[in-house]
């Protein structure tokens, strides 16, 4: 079974975010740190080389594969800010309708700019997702 490459490490979140070249993107990242810190109650940590994660949980699939992952996180990718909403979006349809301009994948929320979305709705989305993941994770 292959080893998961994205793991928490001791790299500095501050240094990583200081390296974000675009000043608006950097400011958005710093705002996301504060938002996610507040709603998860967890401190940011680097996961792999480019993801800022908050908290962790243990998962186990029916296949037997298991591991640890962050409750919520984000990464300043080249095209978008990618936010990781680990509970997925199906249980959050009402919030997604009120969020603002975004795209989404299975558990990824893609934003061009933080100004494009309602931050209160985003905070609630992150909070509810983290709460759901904590409740359903393996002890």
Protein backbone atom coordinates (compact mmCIF):
# COMPACT_ATOMS: atom_id res chain seq x y z
CA UNK A 1 0.00 0.00 0.00
CA UNK A 2 1.44 3.40 -0.93
CA UNK A 3 2.38 5.91 1.74
CA UNK A 4 0.48 9.22 1.82
CA UNK A 5 2.88 12.03 0.84
CA UNK A 6 0.88 14.94 2.22
CA UNK A 7 1.60 14.95 5.95
CA UNK A 8 1.99 17.58 8.63
CA UNK A 9 5.49 18.95 8.93
CA UNK A 10 7.46 21.62 10.77
CA UNK A 11 7.73 24.07 7.88
CA UNK A 12 6.71 27.60 8.79
CA UNK A 13 3.22 28.65 7.73
CA UNK A 14 4.29 32.29 8.02
CA UNK A 15 7.28 31.80 5.69
CA UNK A 16 5.18 29.84 3.21
CA UNK A 17 2.51 32.55 3.06
CA UNK A 18 5.13 35.33 2.91
CA UNK A 19 6.30 33.66 -0.31
CA UNK A 20 2.92 34.16 -2.01
CA UNK A 21 3.87 36.76 -4.63
CA UNK A 22 0.54 38.43 -5.34
CA UNK A 23 -0.24 40.85 -2.46
CA UNK A 24 -4.01 40.36 -2.76
CA UNK A 25 -3.65 36.56 -2.74
CA UNK A 26 -1.30 36.81 0.26
CA UNK A 27 -3.81 39.00 2.15
CA UNK A 28 -6.56 36.50 1.33
CA UNK A 29 -4.40 33.69 2.72
CA UNK A 30 -3.75 35.57 5.95
CA UNK A 31 -7.49 36.23 6.29
CA UNK A 32 -8.18 32.51 5.73
CA UNK A 33 -5.70 31.62 8.48
CA UNK A 34 -7.63 33.80 10.90
CA UNK A 35 -11.03 32.51 9.74
CA UNK A 36 -10.05 28.84 9.94
CA UNK A 37 -8.20 29.29 13.24
CA UNK A 38 -11.31 30.89 14.73
CA UNK A 39 -13.87 28.38 13.47
CA UNK A 40 -11.84 25.20 14.04
CA UNK A 41 -10.15 26.28 17.26
CA UNK A 42 -6.92 24.84 15.82
CA UNK A 43 -3.56 26.38 14.92
CA UNK A 44 -2.33 26.26 11.30
CA UNK A 45 0.26 23.69 10.24
CA UNK A 46 1.87 22.97 6.92
CA UNK A 47 0.75 19.71 5.34
CA UNK A 48 3.15 18.80 2.58
CA UNK A 49 4.85 21.67 0.76
CA UNK A 50 1.81 23.81 -0.05
CA UNK A 51 -1.27 23.15 2.12
CA UNK A 52 -2.10 25.00 5.33
CA UNK A 53 -4.20 22.66 7.47
CA UNK A 54 -6.06 23.02 10.75
CA UNK A 55 -6.57 20.18 13.21
CA UNK A 56 -6.61 16.54 12.18
CA UNK A 57 -8.75 13.44 12.16
CA UNK A 58 -8.21 9.76 11.54
CA UNK A 59 -10.04 7.98 8.72
CA UNK A 60 -10.41 4.34 7.74
CA UNK A 61 -11.93 3.19 4.45
CA UNK A 62 -13.76 -0.09 3.90
CA UNK A 63 -10.72 -1.17 1.85
CA UNK A 64 -8.63 -1.04 5.01
CA UNK A 65 -6.68 2.05 3.96
CA UNK A 66 -6.39 4.53 6.80
CA UNK A 67 -4.57 7.69 7.71
CA UNK A 68 -4.74 11.15 9.16
CA UNK A 69 -5.87 14.32 7.44
CA UNK A 70 -6.66 17.91 8.37
CA UNK A 71 -10.17 19.07 9.37
CA UNK A 72 -10.01 22.12 7.12
CA UNK A 73 -7.31 23.70 5.02
CA UNK A 74 -6.37 25.76 2.02
CA UNK A 75 -3.67 26.25 -0.56
CA UNK A 76 -2.86 29.30 -2.69
CA UNK A 77 -2.69 27.52 -6.05
CA UNK A 78 -1.72 29.26 -9.29
CA UNK A 79 -5.26 29.78 -10.58
CA UNK A 80 -7.37 29.80 -7.42
CA UNK A 81 -7.41 29.68 -3.68
CA UNK A 82 -8.26 26.05 -3.01
CA UNK A 83 -10.13 25.40 0.22
CA UNK A 84 -10.51 21.85 1.45
CA UNK A 85 -14.01 21.20 2.81
CA UNK A 86 -13.59 17.64 4.00
CA UNK A 87 -17.28 16.85 4.50
CA UNK A 88 -17.98 17.57 0.83
CA UNK A 89 -20.80 19.83 -0.30
CA UNK A 90 -23.98 17.75 -0.55
CA UNK A 91 -24.97 18.41 3.07
CA UNK A 92 -24.31 22.14 2.66
CA UNK A 93 -26.46 23.03 -0.37
CA UNK A 94 -28.19 25.97 1.35
CA UNK A 95 -24.86 27.51 2.34
CA UNK A 96 -23.37 26.93 -1.11
CA UNK A 97 -26.30 28.79 -2.69
CA UNK A 98 -25.54 31.82 -0.53
CA UNK A 99 -21.73 31.67 -0.64
CA UNK A 100 -21.02 33.76 -3.72
CA UNK A 101 -18.81 33.22 -6.75
CA UNK A 102 -17.03 29.86 -6.56
CA UNK A 103 -16.36 26.55 -8.24
CA UNK A 104 -16.24 23.21 -6.50
CA UNK A 105 -14.93 19.68 -6.82
CA UNK A 106 -15.61 16.71 -4.56
CA UNK A 107 -14.15 18.34 -1.44
CA UNK A 108 -12.39 21.35 -2.97
CA UNK A 109 -13.80 24.85 -3.08
CA UNK A 110 -12.12 27.11 -5.64
CA UNK A 111 -12.16 30.89 -5.16
CA UNK A 112 -10.52 33.54 -7.31
CA UNK A 113 -10.63 36.04 -4.45
CA UNK A 114 -11.97 36.03 -0.93
CA UNK A 115 -13.88 39.21 -1.79
CA UNK A 116 -16.06 37.13 -4.15
CA UNK A 117 -17.74 35.27 -1.27
CA UNK A 118 -19.70 36.04 1.89
CA UNK A 119 -17.17 35.45 4.70
CA UNK A 120 -19.85 34.69 7.27
CA UNK A 121 -21.27 31.96 5.04
CA UNK A 122 -17.74 30.65 4.39
CA UNK A 123 -17.01 30.56 8.13
CA UNK A 124 -20.21 28.63 8.76
CA UNK A 125 -19.36 26.18 5.96
CA UNK A 126 -15.90 25.50 7.40
CA UNK A 127 -17.31 25.20 10.95
CA UNK A 128 -20.06 22.76 9.95
CA UNK A 129 -17.71 20.68 7.84
CA UNK A 130 -15.11 20.39 10.64
CA UNK A 131 -17.82 19.51 13.15
CA UNK A 132 -19.21 16.79 10.86
CA UNK A 133 -15.77 15.31 10.17
CA UNK A 134 -14.91 15.22 13.90
CA UNK A 135 -18.20 13.50 14.67
CA UNK A 136 -17.81 10.84 11.97
CA UNK A 137 -14.06 10.18 12.18
CA UNK A 138 -12.47 7.03 13.57
CA UNK A 139 -11.29 7.44 17.16
